[in-house]
């Protein structure tokens, strides 16, 4: 049985959000289920780094949700899927108006 590197069947889409509204990034990742990491402007994202952020991964769907964005949230967001065979990255922009 050969394992394939992950790939994005649905990559991230850039988001334009009004200040105070919610912003959601979503990507669909191929099987086998990889390890998923999120980044903002090249830095690893965590709940501590971005309070209020909600990160989930289930059934190949990676989701990052910011319930109430501010101008400080603007930037380049990336999701990286990694398994034993390789990795794939999808990147999109968040623009807060």
C-alpha atoms as a PDB file:
ATOM      1  CA  UNK A   1       0.000   0.000   0.000  1.00  0.00           C
ATOM      2  CA  UNK A   2       1.519   3.293  -1.069  1.00  0.00           C
ATOM      3  CA  UNK A   3       0.865   6.478   0.782  1.00  0.00           C
ATOM      4  CA  UNK A   4       0.503   9.724  -1.129  1.00  0.00           C
ATOM      5  CA  UNK A   5       1.542  13.175  -0.054  1.00  0.00           C
ATOM      6  CA  UNK A   6      -1.392  15.373   0.944  1.00  0.00           C
ATOM      7  CA  UNK A   7      -2.883  17.792  -1.559  1.00  0.00           C
ATOM      8  CA  UNK A   8      -5.588  20.429  -1.388  1.00  0.00           C
ATOM      9  CA  UNK A   9      -8.741  19.480  -3.256  1.00  0.00           C
ATOM     10  CA  UNK A  10     -10.136  22.868  -2.182  1.00  0.00           C
ATOM     11  CA  UNK A  11      -7.457  25.491  -1.443  1.00  0.00           C
ATOM     12  CA  UNK A  12      -7.881  28.495   0.852  1.00  0.00           C
ATOM     13  CA  UNK A  13      -9.694  31.505  -0.582  1.00  0.00           C
ATOM     14  CA  UNK A  14      -8.767  35.079   0.331  1.00  0.00           C
ATOM     15  CA  UNK A  15     -11.240  36.794   2.663  1.00  0.00           C
ATOM     16  CA  UNK A  16     -12.365  40.416   2.858  1.00  0.00           C
ATOM     17  CA  UNK A  17     -14.156  41.087   6.159  1.00  0.00           C
ATOM     18  CA  UNK A  18     -15.645  44.128   7.825  1.00  0.00           C
ATOM     19  CA  UNK A  19     -14.026  45.041  11.115  1.00  0.00           C
ATOM     20  CA  UNK A  20     -15.929  43.316  13.937  1.00  0.00           C
ATOM     21  CA  UNK A  21     -17.356  40.579  11.713  1.00  0.00           C
ATOM     22  CA  UNK A  22     -16.247  36.946  11.514  1.00  0.00           C
ATOM     23  CA  UNK A  23     -13.678  35.677   9.022  1.00  0.00           C
ATOM     24  CA  UNK A  24     -13.365  32.012   8.083  1.00  0.00           C
ATOM     25  CA  UNK A  25     -10.663  30.225   6.108  1.00  0.00           C
ATOM     26  CA  UNK A  26     -11.492  26.709   4.933  1.00  0.00           C
ATOM     27  CA  UNK A  27      -9.572  24.141   2.912  1.00  0.00           C
ATOM     28  CA  UNK A  28     -10.259  20.540   1.930  1.00  0.00           C
ATOM     29  CA  UNK A  29      -7.287  18.154   2.193  1.00  0.00           C
ATOM     30  CA  UNK A  30      -6.917  14.783   0.463  1.00  0.00           C
ATOM     31  CA  UNK A  31      -6.504  11.562   2.426  1.00  0.00           C
ATOM     32  CA  UNK A  32      -4.659  10.067   4.180  1.00  0.00           C
ATOM     33  CA  UNK A  33      -5.425  12.398   7.050  1.00  0.00           C
ATOM     34  CA  UNK A  34      -2.343  14.550   7.583  1.00  0.00           C
ATOM     35  CA  UNK A  35      -1.135  16.719  10.421  1.00  0.00           C
ATOM     36  CA  UNK A  36      -2.419  20.250   9.846  1.00  0.00           C
ATOM     37  CA  UNK A  37      -0.709  23.493  10.948  1.00  0.00           C
ATOM     38  CA  UNK A  38      -1.836  27.097  10.485  1.00  0.00           C
ATOM     39  CA  UNK A  39       0.412  30.143   9.993  1.00  0.00           C
ATOM     40  CA  UNK A  40      -0.052  33.901   9.844  1.00  0.00           C
ATOM     41  CA  UNK A  41       2.639  35.879   8.027  1.00  0.00           C
ATOM     42  CA  UNK A  42       4.947  32.862   8.354  1.00  0.00           C
ATOM     43  CA  UNK A  43       4.487  32.441  12.123  1.00  0.00           C
ATOM     44  CA  UNK A  44       2.814  29.369  13.629  1.00  0.00           C
ATOM     45  CA  UNK A  45      -0.705  30.214  14.742  1.00  0.00           C
ATOM     46  CA  UNK A  46      -2.081  29.149  18.084  1.00  0.00           C
ATOM     47  CA  UNK A  47      -4.957  30.233  20.285  1.00  0.00           C
ATOM     48  CA  UNK A  48      -2.412  32.038  22.480  1.00  0.00           C
ATOM     49  CA  UNK A  49      -0.942  33.937  19.506  1.00  0.00           C
ATOM     50  CA  UNK A  50      -4.372  34.949  18.219  1.00  0.00           C
ATOM     51  CA  UNK A  51      -6.906  35.018  21.099  1.00  0.00           C
ATOM     52  CA  UNK A  52     -10.397  33.952  20.107  1.00  0.00           C
ATOM     53  CA  UNK A  53      -9.260  32.044  17.024  1.00  0.00           C
ATOM     54  CA  UNK A  54     -11.019  28.717  16.468  1.00  0.00           C
ATOM     55  CA  UNK A  55      -9.096  25.980  14.637  1.00  0.00           C
ATOM     56  CA  UNK A  56     -10.594  22.636  13.673  1.00  0.00           C
ATOM     57  CA  UNK A  57      -9.798  19.693  11.419  1.00  0.00           C
ATOM     58  CA  UNK A  58     -12.184  16.840  10.693  1.00  0.00           C
ATOM     59  CA  UNK A  59     -13.034  14.678   7.674  1.00  0.00           C
ATOM     60  CA  UNK A  60     -10.263  16.347   5.671  1.00  0.00           C
ATOM     61  CA  UNK A  61     -11.665  19.826   6.268  1.00  0.00           C
ATOM     62  CA  UNK A  62      -9.331  22.372   7.863  1.00  0.00           C
ATOM     63  CA  UNK A  63     -11.059  25.464   9.246  1.00  0.00           C
ATOM     64  CA  UNK A  64      -9.712  28.607  10.905  1.00  0.00           C
ATOM     65  CA  UNK A  65     -12.316  31.064  12.194  1.00  0.00           C
ATOM     66  CA  UNK A  66     -11.763  34.473  13.740  1.00  0.00           C
ATOM     67  CA  UNK A  67     -15.073  35.494  15.405  1.00  0.00           C
ATOM     68  CA  UNK A  68     -14.463  39.269  15.392  1.00  0.00           C
ATOM     69  CA  UNK A  69     -11.671  40.593  13.200  1.00  0.00           C
ATOM     70  CA  UNK A  70      -9.802  43.847  13.675  1.00  0.00           C
ATOM     71  CA  UNK A  71      -7.367  45.613  11.362  1.00  0.00           C
ATOM     72  CA  UNK A  72      -4.550  43.887  13.297  1.00  0.00           C
ATOM     73  CA  UNK A  73      -5.741  40.509  11.968  1.00  0.00           C
ATOM     74  CA  UNK A  74      -4.984  41.450   8.346  1.00  0.00           C
ATOM     75  CA  UNK A  75      -2.254  39.379   6.762  1.00  0.00           C
ATOM     76  CA  UNK A  76      -1.322  36.235   4.889  1.00  0.00           C
ATOM     77  CA  UNK A  77      -2.752  33.018   6.330  1.00  0.00           C
ATOM     78  CA  UNK A  78      -1.454  29.579   5.358  1.00  0.00           C
ATOM     79  CA  UNK A  79      -2.469  26.037   6.155  1.00  0.00           C
ATOM     80  CA  UNK A  80       0.097  23.247   5.817  1.00  0.00           C
ATOM     81  CA  UNK A  81      -0.829  19.573   5.605  1.00  0.00           C
ATOM     82  CA  UNK A  82       1.961  17.093   6.358  1.00  0.00           C
ATOM     83  CA  UNK A  83       2.148  13.301   6.341  1.00  0.00           C
ATOM     84  CA  UNK A  84       4.972  10.769   6.124  1.00  0.00           C
ATOM     85  CA  UNK A  85       5.231  11.168   2.343  1.00  0.00           C
ATOM     86  CA  UNK A  86       5.318  14.956   1.998  1.00  0.00           C
ATOM     87  CA  UNK A  87       3.501  18.203   2.555  1.00  0.00           C
ATOM     88  CA  UNK A  88       1.317  20.756   0.813  1.00  0.00           C
ATOM     89  CA  UNK A  89       0.592  24.392   1.660  1.00  0.00           C
ATOM     90  CA  UNK A  90      -2.265  26.683   0.706  1.00  0.00           C
ATOM     91  CA  UNK A  91      -2.118  30.442   1.340  1.00  0.00           C
ATOM     92  CA  UNK A  92      -4.669  33.260   1.223  1.00  0.00           C
ATOM     93  CA  UNK A  93      -4.982  36.855   2.387  1.00  0.00           C
ATOM     94  CA  UNK A  94      -7.227  38.396   5.029  1.00  0.00           C
ATOM     95  CA  UNK A  95      -8.132  42.006   4.332  1.00  0.00           C
ATOM     96  CA  UNK A  96     -10.056  43.816   7.068  1.00  0.00           C
ATOM     97  CA  UNK A  97     -12.013  46.909   5.970  1.00  0.00           C
END
